[in-house]
Amino acid sequence: NELFLSENEISVFLEILSSYTRAS
């Protein structure tokens, strides 16, 4: 599964969530 992110706040949220849940 590939999560495409930019530099906006919503992308930051999903990046943090992926890290916190250890999904990455």
mmCIF file of all heavy atoms, coordinates in Angstrom:
data_MODEL
# 
_entry.id   MODEL 
# 
loop_
_atom_site.group_PDB 
_atom_site.id 
_atom_site.type_symbol 
_atom_site.label_atom_id 
_atom_site.label_alt_id 
_atom_site.label_comp_id 
_atom_site.label_asym_id 
_atom_site.label_entity_id 
_atom_site.label_seq_id 
_atom_site.pdbx_PDB_ins_code 
_atom_site.Cartn_x 
_atom_site.Cartn_y 
_atom_site.Cartn_z 
_atom_site.occupancy 
_atom_site.B_iso_or_equiv 
_atom_site.pdbx_formal_charge 
_atom_site.auth_seq_id 
_atom_site.auth_comp_id 
_atom_site.auth_asym_id 
_atom_site.auth_atom_id 
_atom_site.pdbx_PDB_model_num 
ATOM 1   N N   . ASN A 1 1  ? 0.851  -1.188 0.000  1.00 0.00 ? 1  ASN A N   1 
ATOM 2   C CA  . ASN A 1 1  ? 0.000  0.000  0.000  1.00 0.00 ? 1  ASN A CA  1 
ATOM 3   C C   . ASN A 1 1  ? 0.891  1.243  0.000  1.00 0.00 ? 1  ASN A C   1 
ATOM 4   O O   . ASN A 1 1  ? 1.802  1.362  0.828  1.00 0.00 ? 1  ASN A O   1 
ATOM 5   C CB  . ASN A 1 1  ? -0.896 0.008  1.234  1.00 0.00 ? 1  ASN A CB  1 
ATOM 6   C CG  . ASN A 1 1  ? -1.755 -1.245 1.344  1.00 0.00 ? 1  ASN A CG  1 
ATOM 7   O OD1 . ASN A 1 1  ? -2.553 -1.533 0.468  1.00 0.00 ? 1  ASN A OD1 1 
ATOM 8   N ND2 . ASN A 1 1  ? -1.568 -1.990 2.417  1.00 0.00 ? 1  ASN A ND2 1 
ATOM 9   N N   . GLU A 1 2  ? 0.641  2.167  -0.913 1.00 0.00 ? 2  GLU A N   1 
ATOM 10  C CA  . GLU A 1 2  ? 1.497  3.344  -1.058 1.00 0.00 ? 2  GLU A CA  1 
ATOM 11  C C   . GLU A 1 2  ? 0.736  4.614  -0.698 1.00 0.00 ? 2  GLU A C   1 
ATOM 12  O O   . GLU A 1 2  ? -0.318 4.904  -1.276 1.00 0.00 ? 2  GLU A O   1 
ATOM 13  C CB  . GLU A 1 2  ? 2.045  3.438  -2.482 1.00 0.00 ? 2  GLU A CB  1 
ATOM 14  C CG  . GLU A 1 2  ? 2.954  2.283  -2.847 1.00 0.00 ? 2  GLU A CG  1 
ATOM 15  C CD  . GLU A 1 2  ? 3.511  2.399  -4.255 1.00 0.00 ? 2  GLU A CD  1 
ATOM 16  O OE1 . GLU A 1 2  ? 2.795  2.920  -5.144 1.00 0.00 ? 2  GLU A OE1 1 
ATOM 17  O OE2 . GLU A 1 2  ? 4.659  1.978  -4.480 1.00 0.00 ? 2  GLU A OE2 1 
ATOM 18  N N   . LEU A 1 3  ? 1.283  5.364  0.260  1.00 0.00 ? 3  LEU A N   1 
ATOM 19  C CA  . LEU A 1 3  ? 0.665  6.599  0.732  1.00 0.00 ? 3  LEU A CA  1 
ATOM 20  C C   . LEU A 1 3  ? 1.439  7.784  0.162  1.00 0.00 ? 3  LEU A C   1 
ATOM 21  O O   . LEU A 1 3  ? 2.611  7.994  0.503  1.00 0.00 ? 3  LEU A O   1 
ATOM 22  C CB  . LEU A 1 3  ? 0.684  6.641  2.258  1.00 0.00 ? 3  LEU A CB  1 
ATOM 23  C CG  . LEU A 1 3  ? 0.098  7.873  2.935  1.00 0.00 ? 3  LEU A CG  1 
ATOM 24  C CD1 . LEU A 1 3  ? -1.361 8.092  2.547  1.00 0.00 ? 3  LEU A CD1 1 
ATOM 25  C CD2 . LEU A 1 3  ? 0.233  7.759  4.453  1.00 0.00 ? 3  LEU A CD2 1 
ATOM 26  N N   . PHE A 1 4  ? 0.806  8.534  -0.718 1.00 0.00 ? 4  PHE A N   1 
ATOM 27  C CA  . PHE A 1 4  ? 1.440  9.687  -1.356 1.00 0.00 ? 4  PHE A CA  1 
ATOM 28  C C   . PHE A 1 4  ? 1.160  10.939 -0.531 1.00 0.00 ? 4  PHE A C   1 
ATOM 29  O O   . PHE A 1 4  ? -0.001 11.282 -0.275 1.00 0.00 ? 4  PHE A O   1 
ATOM 30  C CB  . PHE A 1 4  ? 0.932  9.852  -2.793 1.00 0.00 ? 4  PHE A CB  1 
ATOM 31  C CG  . PHE A 1 4  ? 1.392  8.759  -3.712 1.00 0.00 ? 4  PHE A CG  1 
ATOM 32  C CD1 . PHE A 1 4  ? 0.701  7.550  -3.781 1.00 0.00 ? 4  PHE A CD1 1 
ATOM 33  C CD2 . PHE A 1 4  ? 2.533  8.926  -4.492 1.00 0.00 ? 4  PHE A CD2 1 
ATOM 34  C CE1 . PHE A 1 4  ? 1.131  6.527  -4.624 1.00 0.00 ? 4  PHE A CE1 1 
ATOM 35  C CE2 . PHE A 1 4  ? 2.969  7.923  -5.336 1.00 0.00 ? 4  PHE A CE2 1 
ATOM 36  C CZ  . PHE A 1 4  ? 2.265  6.720  -5.398 1.00 0.00 ? 4  PHE A CZ  1 
ATOM 37  N N   . LEU A 1 5  ? 2.236  11.616 -0.119 1.00 0.00 ? 5  LEU A N   1 
ATOM 38  C CA  . LEU A 1 5  ? 2.144  12.755 0.786  1.00 0.00 ? 5  LEU A CA  1 
ATOM 39  C C   . LEU A 1 5  ? 2.754  14.005 0.166  1.00 0.00 ? 5  LEU A C   1 
ATOM 40  O O   . LEU A 1 5  ? 3.635  13.915 -0.683 1.00 0.00 ? 5  LEU A O   1 
ATOM 41  C CB  . LEU A 1 5  ? 2.873  12.447 2.095  1.00 0.00 ? 5  LEU A CB  1 
ATOM 42  C CG  . LEU A 1 5  ? 2.451  11.176 2.841  1.00 0.00 ? 5  LEU A CG  1 
ATOM 43  C CD1 . LEU A 1 5  ? 3.453  10.860 3.941  1.00 0.00 ? 5  LEU A CD1 1 
ATOM 44  C CD2 . LEU A 1 5  ? 1.046  11.332 3.414  1.00 0.00 ? 5  LEU A CD2 1 
ATOM 45  N N   . SER A 1 6  ? 2.295  15.152 0.626  1.00 0.00 ? 6  SER A N   1 
ATOM 46  C CA  . SER A 1 6  ? 2.905  16.425 0.228  1.00 0.00 ? 6  SER A CA  1 
ATOM 47  C C   . SER A 1 6  ? 3.455  17.087 1.490  1.00 0.00 ? 6  SER A C   1 
ATOM 48  O O   . SER A 1 6  ? 3.759  16.399 2.469  1.00 0.00 ? 6  SER A O   1 
ATOM 49  C CB  . SER A 1 6  ? 1.875  17.316 -0.472 1.00 0.00 ? 6  SER A CB  1 
ATOM 50  O OG  . SER A 1 6  ? 0.859  17.711 0.427  1.00 0.00 ? 6  SER A OG  1 
ATOM 51  N N   . GLU A 1 7  ? 3.544  18.403 1.477  1.00 0.00 ? 7  GLU A N   1 
ATOM 52  C CA  . GLU A 1 7  ? 4.078  19.118 2.629  1.00 0.00 ? 7  GLU A CA  1 
ATOM 53  C C   . GLU A 1 7  ? 2.973  19.779 3.447  1.00 0.00 ? 7  GLU A C   1 
ATOM 54  O O   . GLU A 1 7  ? 3.250  20.567 4.345  1.00 0.00 ? 7  GLU A O   1 
ATOM 55  C CB  . GLU A 1 7  ? 5.082  20.180 2.151  1.00 0.00 ? 7  GLU A CB  1 
ATOM 56  C CG  . GLU A 1 7  ? 6.281  19.571 1.421  1.00 0.00 ? 7  GLU A CG  1 
ATOM 57  C CD  . GLU A 1 7  ? 7.127  20.599 0.698  1.00 0.00 ? 7  GLU A CD  1 
ATOM 58  O OE1 . GLU A 1 7  ? 6.664  21.743 0.527  1.00 0.00 ? 7  GLU A OE1 1 
ATOM 59  O OE2 . GLU A 1 7  ? 8.252  20.256 0.294  1.00 0.00 ? 7  GLU A OE2 1 
ATOM 60  N N   . ASN A 1 8  ? 1.706  19.438 3.170  1.00 0.00 ? 8  ASN A N   1 
ATOM 61  C CA  . ASN A 1 8  ? 0.611  20.071 3.901  1.00 0.00 ? 8  ASN A CA  1 
ATOM 62  C C   . ASN A 1 8  ? 0.339  19.380 5.236  1.00 0.00 ? 8  ASN A C   1 
ATOM 63  O O   . ASN A 1 8  ? 0.888  18.311 5.537  1.00 0.00 ? 8  ASN A O   1 
ATOM 64  C CB  . ASN A 1 8  ? -0.664 20.124 3.037  1.00 0.00 ? 8  ASN A CB  1 
ATOM 65  C CG  . ASN A 1 8  ? -1.160 18.738 2.638  1.00 0.00 ? 8  ASN A CG  1 
ATOM 66  O OD1 . ASN A 1 8  ? -1.010 17.764 3.365  1.00 0.00 ? 8  ASN A OD1 1 
ATOM 67  N ND2 . ASN A 1 8  ? -1.759 18.652 1.457  1.00 0.00 ? 8  ASN A ND2 1 
ATOM 68  N N   . GLU A 1 9  ? -0.530 19.978 6.037  1.00 0.00 ? 9  GLU A N   1 
ATOM 69  C CA  . GLU A 1 9  ? -0.779 19.498 7.400  1.00 0.00 ? 9  GLU A CA  1 
ATOM 70  C C   . GLU A 1 9  ? -1.447 18.129 7.433  1.00 0.00 ? 9  GLU A C   1 
ATOM 71  O O   . GLU A 1 9  ? -1.151 17.306 8.310  1.00 0.00 ? 9  GLU A O   1 
ATOM 72  C CB  . GLU A 1 9  ? -1.642 20.525 8.143  1.00 0.00 ? 9  GLU A CB  1 
ATOM 73  C CG  . GLU A 1 9  ? -0.939 21.865 8.346  1.00 0.00 ? 9  GLU A CG  1 
ATOM 74  C CD  . GLU A 1 9  ? -1.909 22.966 8.725  1.00 0.00 ? 9  GLU A CD  1 
ATOM 75  O OE1 . GLU A 1 9  ? -3.113 22.833 8.422  1.00 0.00 ? 9  GLU A OE1 1 
ATOM 76  O OE2 . GLU A 1 9  ? -1.467 23.965 9.324  1.00 0.00 ? 9  GLU A OE2 1 
ATOM 77  N N   . ILE A 1 10 ? -2.358 17.876 6.497  1.00 0.00 ? 10 ILE A N   1 
ATOM 78  C CA  . ILE A 1 10 ? -3.041 16.579 6.468  1.00 0.00 ? 10 ILE A CA  1 
ATOM 79  C C   . ILE A 1 10 ? -2.045 15.465 6.153  1.00 0.00 ? 10 ILE A C   1 
ATOM 80  O O   . ILE A 1 10 ? -2.120 14.366 6.712  1.00 0.00 ? 10 ILE A O   1 
ATOM 81  C CB  . ILE A 1 10 ? -4.185 16.586 5.427  1.00 0.00 ? 10 ILE A CB  1 
ATOM 82  C CG1 . ILE A 1 10 ? -5.158 17.741 5.705  1.00 0.00 ? 10 ILE A CG1 1 
ATOM 83  C CG2 . ILE A 1 10 ? -4.915 15.255 5.453  1.00 0.00 ? 10 ILE A CG2 1 
ATOM 84  C CD1 . ILE A 1 10 ? -5.779 17.709 7.077  1.00 0.00 ? 10 ILE A CD1 1 
ATOM 85  N N   . SER A 1 11 ? -1.086 15.761 5.282  1.00 0.00 ? 11 SER A N   1 
ATOM 86  C CA  . SER A 1 11 ? -0.035 14.778 4.977  1.00 0.00 ? 11 SER A CA  1 
ATOM 87  C C   . SER A 1 11 ? 0.809  14.500 6.212  1.00 0.00 ? 11 SER A C   1 
ATOM 88  O O   . SER A 1 11 ? 1.191  13.354 6.479  1.00 0.00 ? 11 SER A O   1 
ATOM 89  C CB  . SER A 1 11 ? 0.859  15.297 3.841  1.00 0.00 ? 11 SER A CB  1 
ATOM 90  O OG  . SER A 1 11 ? 0.169  15.329 2.616  1.00 0.00 ? 11 SER A OG  1 
ATOM 91  N N   . VAL A 1 12 ? 1.114  15.557 6.972  1.00 0.00 ? 12 VAL A N   1 
ATOM 92  C CA  . VAL A 1 12 ? 1.887  15.391 8.207  1.00 0.00 ? 12 VAL A CA  1 
ATOM 93  C C   . VAL A 1 12 ? 1.134  14.479 9.177  1.00 0.00 ? 12 VAL A C   1 
ATOM 94  O O   . VAL A 1 12 ? 1.714  13.601 9.815  1.00 0.00 ? 12 VAL A O   1 
ATOM 95  C CB  . VAL A 1 12 ? 2.177  16.758 8.862  1.00 0.00 ? 12 VAL A CB  1 
ATOM 96  C CG1 . VAL A 1 12 ? 2.785  16.573 10.249 1.00 0.00 ? 12 VAL A CG1 1 
ATOM 97  C CG2 . VAL A 1 12 ? 3.129  17.567 7.981  1.00 0.00 ? 12 VAL A CG2 1 
ATOM 98  N N   . PHE A 1 13 ? -0.173 14.684 9.301  1.00 0.00 ? 13 PHE A N   1 
ATOM 99  C CA  . PHE A 1 13 ? -1.000 13.844 10.176 1.00 0.00 ? 13 PHE A CA  1 
ATOM 100 C C   . PHE A 1 13 ? -0.894 12.371 9.781  1.00 0.00 ? 13 PHE A C   1 
ATOM 101 O O   . PHE A 1 13 ? -0.665 11.496 10.629 1.00 0.00 ? 13 PHE A O   1 
ATOM 102 C CB  . PHE A 1 13 ? -2.456 14.309 10.122 1.00 0.00 ? 13 PHE A CB  1 
ATOM 103 C CG  . PHE A 1 13 ? -3.451 13.252 10.520 1.00 0.00 ? 13 PHE A CG  1 
ATOM 104 C CD1 . PHE A 1 13 ? -3.412 12.688 11.793 1.00 0.00 ? 13 PHE A CD1 1 
ATOM 105 C CD2 . PHE A 1 13 ? -4.418 12.811 9.621  1.00 0.00 ? 13 PHE A CD2 1 
ATOM 106 C CE1 . PHE A 1 13 ? -4.331 11.697 12.162 1.00 0.00 ? 13 PHE A CE1 1 
ATOM 107 C CE2 . PHE A 1 13 ? -5.335 11.831 9.976  1.00 0.00 ? 13 PHE A CE2 1 
ATOM 108 C CZ  . PHE A 1 13 ? -5.291 11.272 11.253 1.00 0.00 ? 13 PHE A CZ  1 
ATOM 109 N N   . LEU A 1 14 ? -1.045 12.073 8.513  1.00 0.00 ? 14 LEU A N   1 
ATOM 110 C CA  . LEU A 1 14 ? -1.012 10.684 8.057  1.00 0.00 ? 14 LEU A CA  1 
ATOM 111 C C   . LEU A 1 14 ? 0.383  10.074 8.188  1.00 0.00 ? 14 LEU A C   1 
ATOM 112 O O   . LEU A 1 14 ? 0.530  8.882  8.467  1.00 0.00 ? 14 LEU A O   1 
ATOM 113 C CB  . LEU A 1 14 ? -1.512 10.602 6.618  1.00 0.00 ? 14 LEU A CB  1 
ATOM 114 C CG  . LEU A 1 14 ? -3.005 10.936 6.436  1.00 0.00 ? 14 LEU A CG  1 
ATOM 115 C CD1 . LEU A 1 14 ? -3.364 11.019 4.962  1.00 0.00 ? 14 LEU A CD1 1 
ATOM 116 C CD2 . LEU A 1 14 ? -3.883 9.914  7.158  1.00 0.00 ? 14 LEU A CD2 1 
ATOM 117 N N   . GLU A 1 15 ? 1.397  10.905 8.026  1.00 0.00 ? 15 GLU A N   1 
ATOM 118 C CA  . GLU A 1 15 ? 2.772  10.434 8.225  1.00 0.00 ? 15 GLU A CA  1 
ATOM 119 C C   . GLU A 1 15 ? 3.013  10.099 9.695  1.00 0.00 ? 15 GLU A C   1 
ATOM 120 O O   . GLU A 1 15 ? 3.627  9.072  10.030 1.00 0.00 ? 15 GLU A O   1 
ATOM 121 C CB  . GLU A 1 15 ? 3.757  11.503 7.754  1.00 0.00 ? 15 GLU A CB  1 
ATOM 122 C CG  . GLU A 1 15 ? 5.208  11.053 7.769  1.00 0.00 ? 15 GLU A CG  1 
ATOM 123 C CD  . GLU A 1 15 ? 6.158  12.092 7.188  1.00 0.00 ? 15 GLU A CD  1 
ATOM 124 O OE1 . GLU A 1 15 ? 5.681  13.169 6.758  1.00 0.00 ? 15 GLU A OE1 1 
ATOM 125 O OE2 . GLU A 1 15 ? 7.375  11.822 7.164  1.00 0.00 ? 15 GLU A OE2 1 
ATOM 126 N N   . ILE A 1 16 ? 2.524  10.962 10.581 1.00 0.00 ? 16 ILE A N   1 
ATOM 127 C CA  . ILE A 1 16 ? 2.642  10.708 12.021 1.00 0.00 ? 16 ILE A CA  1 
ATOM 128 C C   . ILE A 1 16 ? 1.865  9.452  12.413 1.00 0.00 ? 16 ILE A C   1 
ATOM 129 O O   . ILE A 1 16 ? 2.346  8.613  13.182 1.00 0.00 ? 16 ILE A O   1 
ATOM 130 C CB  . ILE A 1 16 ? 2.125  11.918 12.825 1.00 0.00 ? 16 ILE A CB  1 
ATOM 131 C CG1 . ILE A 1 16 ? 3.072  13.103 12.682 1.00 0.00 ? 16 ILE A CG1 1 
ATOM 132 C CG2 . ILE A 1 16 ? 1.968  11.569 14.299 1.00 0.00 ? 16 ILE A CG2 1 
ATOM 133 C CD1 . ILE A 1 16 ? 2.547  14.373 13.322 1.00 0.00 ? 16 ILE A CD1 1 
ATOM 134 N N   . LEU A 1 17 ? 0.665  9.319  11.880 1.00 0.00 ? 17 LEU A N   1 
ATOM 135 C CA  . LEU A 1 17 ? -0.164 8.142  12.179 1.00 0.00 ? 17 LEU A CA  1 
ATOM 136 C C   . LEU A 1 17 ? 0.513  6.857  11.717 1.00 0.00 ? 17 LEU A C   1 
ATOM 137 O O   . LEU A 1 17 ? 0.513  5.853  12.436 1.00 0.00 ? 17 LEU A O   1 
ATOM 138 C CB  . LEU A 1 17 ? -1.532 8.294  11.503 1.00 0.00 ? 17 LEU A CB  1 
ATOM 139 C CG  . LEU A 1 17 ? -2.516 7.144  11.705 1.00 0.00 ? 17 LEU A CG  1 
ATOM 140 C CD1 . LEU A 1 17 ? -2.907 7.018  13.170 1.00 0.00 ? 17 LEU A CD1 1 
ATOM 141 C CD2 . LEU A 1 17 ? -3.757 7.340  10.837 1.00 0.00 ? 17 LEU A CD2 1 
ATOM 142 N N   . SER A 1 18 ? 1.101  6.882  10.530 1.00 0.00 ? 18 SER A N   1 
ATOM 143 C CA  . SER A 1 18 ? 1.802  5.702  10.005 1.00 0.00 ? 18 SER A CA  1 
ATOM 144 C C   . SER A 1 18 ? 2.971  5.317  10.893 1.00 0.00 ? 18 SER A C   1 
ATOM 145 O O   . SER A 1 18 ? 3.263  4.134  11.085 1.00 0.00 ? 18 SER A O   1 
ATOM 146 C CB  . SER A 1 18 ? 2.287  5.972  8.576  1.00 0.00 ? 18 SER A CB  1 
ATOM 147 O OG  . SER A 1 18 ? 1.207  6.203  7.709  1.00 0.00 ? 18 SER A OG  1 
ATOM 148 N N   . SER A 1 19 ? 3.642  6.336  11.438 1.00 0.00 ? 19 SER A N   1 
ATOM 149 C CA  . SER A 1 19 ? 4.769  6.084  12.327 1.00 0.00 ? 19 SER A CA  1 
ATOM 150 C C   . SER A 1 19 ? 4.294  5.560  13.675 1.00 0.00 ? 19 SER A C   1 
ATOM 151 O O   . SER A 1 19 ? 4.833  4.583  14.204 1.00 0.00 ? 19 SER A O   1 
ATOM 152 C CB  . SER A 1 19 ? 5.576  7.379  12.525 1.00 0.00 ? 19 SER A CB  1 
ATOM 153 O OG  . SER A 1 19 ? 6.592  7.195  13.475 1.00 0.00 ? 19 SER A OG  1 
ATOM 154 N N   . TYR A 1 20 ? 3.273  6.195  14.237 1.00 0.00 ? 20 TYR A N   1 
ATOM 155 C CA  . TYR A 1 20 ? 2.786  5.818  15.568 1.00 0.00 ? 20 TYR A CA  1 
ATOM 156 C C   . TYR A 1 20 ? 2.215  4.393  15.582 1.00 0.00 ? 20 TYR A C   1 
ATOM 157 O O   . TYR A 1 20 ? 2.407  3.653  16.554 1.00 0.00 ? 20 TYR A O   1 
ATOM 158 C CB  . TYR A 1 20 ? 1.717  6.812  16.029 1.00 0.00 ? 20 TYR A CB  1 
ATOM 159 C CG  . TYR A 1 20 ? 1.209  6.544  17.423 1.00 0.00 ? 20 TYR A CG  1 
ATOM 160 C CD1 . TYR A 1 20 ? 2.026  6.796  18.534 1.00 0.00 ? 20 TYR A CD1 1 
ATOM 161 C CD2 . TYR A 1 20 ? -0.071 6.029  17.637 1.00 0.00 ? 20 TYR A CD2 1 
ATOM 162 C CE1 . TYR A 1 20 ? 1.571  6.542  19.813 1.00 0.00 ? 20 TYR A CE1 1 
ATOM 163 C CE2 . TYR A 1 20 ? -0.525 5.774  18.913 1.00 0.00 ? 20 TYR A CE2 1 
ATOM 164 C CZ  . TYR A 1 20 ? 0.294  6.030  20.012 1.00 0.00 ? 20 TYR A CZ  1 
ATOM 165 O OH  . TYR A 1 20 ? -0.158 5.774  21.279 1.00 0.00 ? 20 TYR A OH  1 
ATOM 166 N N   . THR A 1 21 ? 1.536  4.001  14.519 1.00 0.00 ? 21 THR A N   1 
ATOM 167 C CA  . THR A 1 21 ? 0.962  2.653  14.439 1.00 0.00 ? 21 THR A CA  1 
ATOM 168 C C   . THR A 1 21 ? 1.969  1.620  13.941 1.00 0.00 ? 21 THR A C   1 
ATOM 169 O O   . THR A 1 21 ? 1.650  0.432  13.853 1.00 0.00 ? 21 THR A O   1 
ATOM 170 C CB  . THR A 1 21 ? -0.250 2.648  13.488 1.00 0.00 ? 21 THR A CB  1 
ATOM 171 O OG1 . THR A 1 21 ? 0.166  3.108  12.193 1.00 0.00 ? 21 THR A OG1 1 
ATOM 172 C CG2 . THR A 1 21 ? -1.367 3.537  14.011 1.00 0.00 ? 21 THR A CG2 1 
ATOM 173 N N   . ARG A 1 22 ? 3.170  2.082  13.589 1.00 0.00 ? 22 ARG A N   1 
ATOM 174 C CA  . ARG A 1 22 ? 4.236  1.219  13.043 1.00 0.00 ? 22 ARG A CA  1 
ATOM 175 C C   . ARG A 1 22 ? 3.878  0.642  11.678 1.00 0.00 ? 22 ARG A C   1 
ATOM 176 O O   . ARG A 1 22 ? 4.437  -0.382 11.265 1.00 0.00 ? 22 ARG A O   1 
ATOM 177 C CB  . ARG A 1 22 ? 4.566  0.074  14.012 1.00 0.00 ? 22 ARG A CB  1 
ATOM 178 C CG  . ARG A 1 22 ? 4.902  0.501  15.423 1.00 0.00 ? 22 ARG A CG  1 
ATOM 179 C CD  . ARG A 1 22 ? 6.160  1.316  15.503 1.00 0.00 ? 22 ARG A CD  1 
ATOM 180 N NE  . ARG A 1 22 ? 6.500  1.665  16.886 1.00 0.00 ? 22 ARG A NE  1 
ATOM 181 C CZ  . ARG A 1 22 ? 7.500  2.478  17.229 1.00 0.00 ? 22 ARG A CZ  1 
ATOM 182 N NH1 . ARG A 1 22 ? 8.266  3.003  16.284 1.00 0.00 ? 22 ARG A NH1 1 
ATOM 183 N NH2 . ARG A 1 22 ? 7.757  2.753  18.496 1.00 0.00 ? 22 ARG A NH2 1 
ATOM 184 N N   . ALA A 1 23 ? 2.944  1.278  10.988 1.00 0.00 ? 23 ALA A N   1 
ATOM 185 C CA  . ALA A 1 23 ? 2.565  0.803  9.654  1.00 0.00 ? 23 ALA A CA  1 
ATOM 186 C C   . ALA A 1 23 ? 3.744  0.889  8.690  1.00 0.00 ? 23 ALA A C   1 
ATOM 187 O O   . ALA A 1 23 ? 3.943  0.000  7.851  1.00 0.00 ? 23 ALA A O   1 
ATOM 188 C CB  . ALA A 1 23 ? 1.393  1.624  9.119  1.00 0.00 ? 23 ALA A CB  1 
ATOM 189 N N   . SER A 1 24 ? 4.530  1.942  8.812  1.00 0.00 ? 24 SER A N   1 
ATOM 190 C CA  . SER A 1 24 ? 5.694  2.113  7.935  1.00 0.00 ? 24 SER A CA  1 
ATOM 191 C C   . SER A 1 24 ? 6.781  1.104  8.266  1.00 0.00 ? 24 SER A C   1 
ATOM 192 O O   . SER A 1 24 ? 7.349  0.460  7.369  1.00 0.00 ? 24 SER A O   1 
ATOM 193 C CB  . SER A 1 24 ? 6.246  3.534  8.076  1.00 0.00 ? 24 SER A CB  1 
ATOM 194 O OG  . SER A 1 24 ? 5.277  4.497  7.757  1.00 0.00 ? 24 SER A OG  1 
# 
